[in-house]
């Protein structure tokens, strides 16, 4: 397997920015890892903060931990995420991931070409 393909797969399947680390592009890797991690943190924080009241009810025993009880509780008190915030965070995550994949592959192509001469 070419190293350019390996780098793209690392960024695609492991974590955005890992492919850049393979080629010692530390600044790019750090930027991609930070942007992706911060966006993922805020995405998870948004979801957990909205589900926390339901989690507390389950922990206290007020709502049993089974599918029907949870579905009934959610039908009574629906959980609504902020669609604009979730959309922006989703786009940031996707764009960062795609940029990491393409950039790792592009760096790999350049390194493979220079190594063959």
N, C-alpha and C. Protein backbone atom coordinates (compact mmCIF):
# COMPACT_ATOMS: atom_id res chain seq x y z
N UNK A 1 0.85 -1.18 0.00
CA UNK A 1 0.00 0.00 0.00
C UNK A 1 0.89 1.24 0.00
N UNK A 2 0.55 2.17 -0.85
CA UNK A 2 1.31 3.42 -0.90
C UNK A 2 1.15 4.17 0.42
N UNK A 3 2.17 4.92 0.78
CA UNK A 3 2.08 5.69 2.02
C UNK A 3 1.06 6.81 1.91
N UNK A 4 0.82 7.31 0.69
CA UNK A 4 -0.20 8.35 0.55
C UNK A 4 -1.58 7.79 0.86
N UNK A 5 -1.84 6.57 0.43
CA UNK A 5 -3.12 5.93 0.73
C UNK A 5 -3.21 5.63 2.22
N UNK A 6 -2.12 5.19 2.81
CA UNK A 6 -2.09 4.90 4.24
C UNK A 6 -2.38 6.17 5.06
N UNK A 7 -1.78 7.27 4.66
CA UNK A 7 -2.00 8.53 5.37
C UNK A 7 -3.44 8.98 5.25
N UNK A 8 -4.02 8.86 4.05
CA UNK A 8 -5.43 9.24 3.87
C UNK A 8 -6.34 8.35 4.70
N UNK A 9 -6.05 7.05 4.74
CA UNK A 9 -6.87 6.15 5.53
C UNK A 9 -6.74 6.42 7.03
N UNK A 10 -5.54 6.77 7.47
CA UNK A 10 -5.36 7.11 8.88
C UNK A 10 -6.20 8.33 9.25
N UNK A 11 -6.19 9.34 8.38
CA UNK A 11 -6.99 10.54 8.66
C UNK A 11 -8.48 10.26 8.54
N UNK A 12 -8.84 9.31 7.70
CA UNK A 12 -10.26 9.00 7.50
C UNK A 12 -10.81 8.09 8.59
N UNK A 13 -10.03 7.09 8.98
CA UNK A 13 -10.57 6.06 9.86
C UNK A 13 -10.13 6.16 11.32
N UNK A 14 -8.99 6.79 11.57
CA UNK A 14 -8.52 6.88 12.95
C UNK A 14 -8.92 8.22 13.55
N UNK A 15 -8.37 9.28 13.02
CA UNK A 15 -8.68 10.63 13.52
C UNK A 15 -8.11 11.63 12.53
N UNK A 16 -8.84 12.70 12.23
CA UNK A 16 -8.31 13.72 11.32
C UNK A 16 -7.01 14.31 11.85
N UNK A 17 -5.98 14.33 11.01
CA UNK A 17 -4.68 14.87 11.39
C UNK A 17 -3.63 13.81 11.62
N UNK A 18 -4.04 12.56 11.80
CA UNK A 18 -3.08 11.50 12.04
C UNK A 18 -2.25 11.22 10.78
N UNK A 19 -2.87 11.33 9.64
CA UNK A 19 -2.13 11.16 8.38
C UNK A 19 -1.05 12.21 8.21
N UNK A 20 -1.32 13.43 8.69
CA UNK A 20 -0.31 14.48 8.61
C UNK A 20 0.85 14.18 9.56
N UNK A 21 0.57 13.57 10.69
CA UNK A 21 1.64 13.19 11.61
C UNK A 21 2.57 12.17 10.98
N UNK A 22 2.03 11.29 10.14
CA UNK A 22 2.84 10.29 9.46
C UNK A 22 3.94 10.95 8.62
N UNK A 23 3.64 12.12 8.06
CA UNK A 23 4.60 12.84 7.22
C UNK A 23 5.27 13.99 7.95
N UNK A 24 5.15 14.03 9.24
CA UNK A 24 5.81 15.04 10.07
C UNK A 24 5.34 16.46 9.75
N UNK A 25 4.09 16.60 9.31
CA UNK A 25 3.49 17.93 9.10
C UNK A 25 2.79 18.30 10.40
N UNK A 26 3.60 18.64 11.40
CA UNK A 26 3.09 18.80 12.76
C UNK A 26 2.14 19.98 12.92
N UNK A 27 2.40 21.08 12.25
CA UNK A 27 1.51 22.24 12.38
C UNK A 27 0.13 21.94 11.81
N UNK A 28 0.10 21.33 10.63
CA UNK A 28 -1.18 20.97 10.02
C UNK A 28 -1.91 19.94 10.88
N UNK A 29 -1.17 18.96 11.36
CA UNK A 29 -1.77 17.92 12.20
C UNK A 29 -2.36 18.53 13.46
N UNK A 30 -1.61 19.40 14.10
CA UNK A 30 -2.09 20.05 15.32
C UNK A 30 -3.34 20.87 15.06
N UNK A 31 -3.33 21.63 13.98
CA UNK A 31 -4.49 22.45 13.63
C UNK A 31 -5.72 21.57 13.39
N UNK A 32 -5.57 20.53 12.59
CA UNK A 32 -6.70 19.66 12.29
C UNK A 32 -7.21 18.94 13.54
N UNK A 33 -6.29 18.44 14.34
CA UNK A 33 -6.69 17.73 15.56
C UNK A 33 -7.40 18.68 16.51
N UNK A 34 -6.89 19.89 16.68
CA UNK A 34 -7.52 20.85 17.58
C UNK A 34 -8.90 21.28 17.09
N UNK A 35 -9.01 21.62 15.82
CA UNK A 35 -10.31 22.06 15.29
C UNK A 35 -11.33 20.94 15.41
N UNK A 36 -10.95 19.73 15.03
CA UNK A 36 -11.88 18.61 15.10
C UNK A 36 -12.26 18.31 16.55
N UNK A 37 -11.28 18.31 17.44
CA UNK A 37 -11.54 17.98 18.84
C UNK A 37 -12.43 19.02 19.51
N UNK A 38 -12.20 20.29 19.24
CA UNK A 38 -13.02 21.35 19.84
C UNK A 38 -14.45 21.27 19.32
N UNK A 39 -14.61 21.07 18.00
CA UNK A 39 -15.96 20.95 17.45
C UNK A 39 -16.66 19.72 18.00
N UNK A 40 -15.94 18.60 18.12
CA UNK A 40 -16.54 17.38 18.68
C UNK A 40 -16.94 17.60 20.14
N UNK A 41 -16.10 18.30 20.90
CA UNK A 41 -16.43 18.59 22.30
C UNK A 41 -17.73 19.37 22.40
N UNK A 42 -17.86 20.45 21.63
CA UNK A 42 -19.07 21.26 21.70
C UNK A 42 -20.29 20.49 21.20
N UNK A 43 -20.12 19.62 20.23
CA UNK A 43 -21.22 18.79 19.72
C UNK A 43 -21.70 17.84 20.83
N UNK A 44 -20.76 17.16 21.46
CA UNK A 44 -21.11 16.22 22.53
C UNK A 44 -21.70 16.96 23.72
N UNK A 45 -21.14 18.13 24.03
CA UNK A 45 -21.66 18.93 25.15
C UNK A 45 -23.09 19.35 24.90
N UNK A 46 -23.43 19.71 23.67
CA UNK A 46 -24.79 20.11 23.31
C UNK A 46 -25.75 18.94 23.52
N UNK A 47 -25.38 17.78 23.06
CA UNK A 47 -26.25 16.61 23.18
C UNK A 47 -26.41 16.19 24.65
N UNK A 48 -25.30 16.11 25.37
CA UNK A 48 -25.36 15.67 26.77
C UNK A 48 -26.14 16.66 27.62
N UNK A 49 -25.97 17.94 27.38
CA UNK A 49 -26.70 18.93 28.19
C UNK A 49 -28.21 18.83 27.98
N UNK A 50 -28.63 18.48 26.78
CA UNK A 50 -30.07 18.34 26.52
C UNK A 50 -30.62 17.04 27.10
N UNK A 51 -29.82 15.98 27.12
CA UNK A 51 -30.27 14.69 27.62
C UNK A 51 -30.06 14.53 29.13
N UNK A 52 -29.37 15.46 29.77
CA UNK A 52 -29.05 15.34 31.19
C UNK A 52 -30.29 15.20 32.08
N UNK A 53 -31.37 15.96 31.86
CA UNK A 53 -32.55 15.75 32.71
C UNK A 53 -33.10 14.32 32.62
N UNK A 54 -33.10 13.73 31.44
CA UNK A 54 -33.56 12.35 31.30
C UNK A 54 -32.60 11.39 31.99
N UNK A 55 -31.31 11.64 31.86
CA UNK A 55 -30.31 10.81 32.53
C UNK A 55 -30.50 10.87 34.04
N UNK A 56 -30.77 12.06 34.56
CA UNK A 56 -30.99 12.22 36.00
C UNK A 56 -32.24 11.46 36.45
N UNK A 57 -33.29 11.48 35.65
CA UNK A 57 -34.51 10.74 35.99
C UNK A 57 -34.26 9.23 36.01
N UNK A 58 -33.45 8.75 35.09
CA UNK A 58 -33.12 7.33 35.06
C UNK A 58 -32.26 6.97 36.27
N UNK A 59 -31.29 7.83 36.60
CA UNK A 59 -30.42 7.57 37.75
C UNK A 59 -31.20 7.54 39.06
N UNK A 60 -32.19 8.42 39.18
CA UNK A 60 -32.96 8.48 40.42
C UNK A 60 -34.00 7.37 40.51
N UNK A 61 -34.24 6.67 39.42
CA UNK A 61 -35.22 5.59 39.42
C UNK A 61 -36.61 6.05 39.04
N UNK A 62 -36.77 7.32 38.74
CA UNK A 62 -38.07 7.87 38.35
C UNK A 62 -38.54 7.28 37.02
N UNK A 63 -37.59 7.02 36.13
CA UNK A 63 -37.89 6.40 34.83
C UNK A 63 -37.06 5.12 34.76
N UNK A 64 -37.73 3.97 34.52
CA UNK A 64 -36.95 2.72 34.41
C UNK A 64 -36.10 2.70 33.15
N UNK A 65 -35.03 1.95 33.22
CA UNK A 65 -34.09 1.87 32.10
C UNK A 65 -34.52 0.75 31.15
N UNK A 66 -35.56 1.04 30.37
CA UNK A 66 -35.95 0.13 29.29
C UNK A 66 -36.49 0.96 28.14
N UNK A 67 -36.54 0.37 26.98
CA UNK A 67 -36.87 1.10 25.77
C UNK A 67 -38.25 1.74 25.79
N UNK A 68 -39.24 1.01 26.27
CA UNK A 68 -40.60 1.55 26.27
C UNK A 68 -40.73 2.74 27.21
N UNK A 69 -40.15 2.64 28.39
CA UNK A 69 -40.24 3.73 29.36
C UNK A 69 -39.51 4.97 28.85
N UNK A 70 -38.35 4.76 28.25
CA UNK A 70 -37.60 5.89 27.71
C UNK A 70 -38.34 6.54 26.55
N UNK A 71 -38.93 5.72 25.67
CA UNK A 71 -39.70 6.25 24.55
C UNK A 71 -40.91 7.03 25.04
N UNK A 72 -41.57 6.52 26.08
CA UNK A 72 -42.72 7.23 26.64
C UNK A 72 -42.30 8.56 27.24
N UNK A 73 -41.20 8.55 27.97
CA UNK A 73 -40.71 9.80 28.59
C UNK A 73 -40.31 10.81 27.52
N UNK A 74 -39.69 10.34 26.45
CA UNK A 74 -39.30 11.25 25.37
C UNK A 74 -40.52 11.76 24.61
N UNK A 75 -41.58 10.99 24.54
CA UNK A 75 -42.80 11.48 23.87
C UNK A 75 -43.48 12.54 24.72
N UNK A 76 -43.39 12.42 26.05
CA UNK A 76 -43.96 13.44 26.94
C UNK A 76 -43.11 14.71 26.95
N UNK A 77 -41.81 14.53 27.01
CA UNK A 77 -40.88 15.65 27.09
C UNK A 77 -39.83 15.51 25.99
N UNK A 78 -40.17 15.94 24.77
CA UNK A 78 -39.20 15.76 23.68
C UNK A 78 -37.94 16.60 23.90
N UNK A 79 -36.83 16.05 23.45
CA UNK A 79 -35.55 16.73 23.57
C UNK A 79 -35.27 17.40 22.23
N UNK A 80 -35.10 18.70 22.28
CA UNK A 80 -34.90 19.47 21.05
C UNK A 80 -33.51 20.11 21.11
N UNK A 81 -32.68 19.70 20.18
CA UNK A 81 -31.35 20.30 20.07
C UNK A 81 -31.44 21.59 19.28
N UNK A 82 -30.50 22.48 19.52
CA UNK A 82 -30.44 23.73 18.76
C UNK A 82 -30.01 23.40 17.33
N UNK A 83 -30.93 23.48 16.37
CA UNK A 83 -30.59 23.01 15.02
C UNK A 83 -29.48 23.82 14.35
N UNK A 84 -29.41 25.10 14.62
CA UNK A 84 -28.37 25.91 13.99
C UNK A 84 -26.99 25.53 14.53
N UNK A 85 -26.90 25.39 15.84
CA UNK A 85 -25.62 25.04 16.46
C UNK A 85 -25.16 23.65 16.02
N UNK A 86 -26.09 22.71 16.00
CA UNK A 86 -25.75 21.35 15.59
C UNK A 86 -25.33 21.32 14.12
N UNK A 87 -26.02 22.07 13.28
CA UNK A 87 -25.67 22.12 11.86
C UNK A 87 -24.28 22.70 11.65
N UNK A 88 -23.99 23.79 12.31
CA UNK A 88 -22.67 24.42 12.16
C UNK A 88 -21.58 23.48 12.64
N UNK A 89 -21.79 22.85 13.78
CA UNK A 89 -20.78 21.92 14.30
C UNK A 89 -20.62 20.71 13.39
N UNK A 90 -21.72 20.22 12.83
CA UNK A 90 -21.64 19.09 11.90
C UNK A 90 -20.84 19.47 10.66
N UNK A 91 -21.09 20.64 10.12
CA UNK A 91 -20.34 21.09 8.94
C UNK A 91 -18.86 21.26 9.27
N UNK A 92 -18.55 21.81 10.42
CA UNK A 92 -17.15 21.97 10.81
C UNK A 92 -16.47 20.60 10.91
N UNK A 93 -17.13 19.64 11.54
CA UNK A 93 -16.56 18.30 11.67
C UNK A 93 -16.34 17.65 10.30
N UNK A 94 -17.33 17.73 9.43
CA UNK A 94 -17.22 17.11 8.11
C UNK A 94 -16.14 17.78 7.25
N UNK A 95 -16.12 19.10 7.27
CA UNK A 95 -15.12 19.82 6.48
C UNK A 95 -13.71 19.51 6.99
N UNK A 96 -13.55 19.53 8.29
CA UNK A 96 -12.23 19.22 8.87
C UNK A 96 -11.80 17.81 8.50
N UNK A 97 -12.72 16.87 8.57
CA UNK A 97 -12.40 15.48 8.24
C UNK A 97 -12.00 15.35 6.77
N UNK A 98 -12.77 15.96 5.88
CA UNK A 98 -12.47 15.88 4.45
C UNK A 98 -11.15 16.58 4.11
N UNK A 99 -10.92 17.74 4.71
CA UNK A 99 -9.66 18.45 4.48
C UNK A 99 -8.49 17.59 4.95
N UNK A 100 -8.63 16.95 6.09
CA UNK A 100 -7.56 16.10 6.61
C UNK A 100 -7.26 14.94 5.66
N UNK A 101 -8.31 14.32 5.13
CA UNK A 101 -8.12 13.19 4.22
C UNK A 101 -7.41 13.64 2.94
N UNK A 102 -7.94 14.69 2.32
CA UNK A 102 -7.39 15.17 1.06
C UNK A 102 -5.97 15.69 1.25
N UNK A 103 -5.74 16.42 2.33
CA UNK A 103 -4.41 16.97 2.58
C UNK A 103 -3.39 15.87 2.85
N UNK A 104 -3.77 14.86 3.62
CA UNK A 104 -2.85 13.76 3.89
C UNK A 104 -2.51 13.02 2.59
N UNK A 105 -3.49 12.82 1.76
CA UNK A 105 -3.25 12.14 0.48
C UNK A 105 -2.35 13.00 -0.42
N UNK A 106 -2.62 14.30 -0.46
CA UNK A 106 -1.83 15.21 -1.28
C UNK A 106 -0.38 15.26 -0.81
N UNK A 107 -0.17 15.34 0.49
CA UNK A 107 1.19 15.33 1.03
C UNK A 107 1.87 14.00 0.69
N UNK A 108 1.11 12.91 0.80
CA UNK A 108 1.66 11.60 0.49
C UNK A 108 2.07 11.45 -0.96
N UNK A 109 1.27 11.98 -1.86
CA UNK A 109 1.60 11.93 -3.29
C UNK A 109 2.92 12.68 -3.54
N UNK A 110 3.07 13.86 -2.92
CA UNK A 110 4.31 14.63 -3.09
C UNK A 110 5.50 13.86 -2.53
N UNK A 111 5.34 13.26 -1.36
CA UNK A 111 6.45 12.52 -0.73
C UNK A 111 6.79 11.27 -1.54
N UNK A 112 5.76 10.58 -2.04
CA UNK A 112 6.01 9.39 -2.85
C UNK A 112 6.73 9.75 -4.14
N UNK A 113 6.34 10.87 -4.76
CA UNK A 113 6.98 11.29 -6.01
C UNK A 113 8.43 11.69 -5.77
N UNK A 114 8.69 12.39 -4.67
CA UNK A 114 10.07 12.81 -4.39
C UNK A 114 10.93 11.63 -3.96
N UNK A 115 10.35 10.61 -3.37
CA UNK A 115 11.10 9.44 -2.93
C UNK A 115 11.46 8.53 -4.10
N UNK A 116 10.68 8.60 -5.18
CA UNK A 116 10.94 7.71 -6.31
C UNK A 116 12.07 8.23 -7.22
N UNK A 117 12.47 9.46 -7.05
CA UNK A 117 13.55 10.02 -7.89
C UNK A 117 14.88 9.81 -7.28
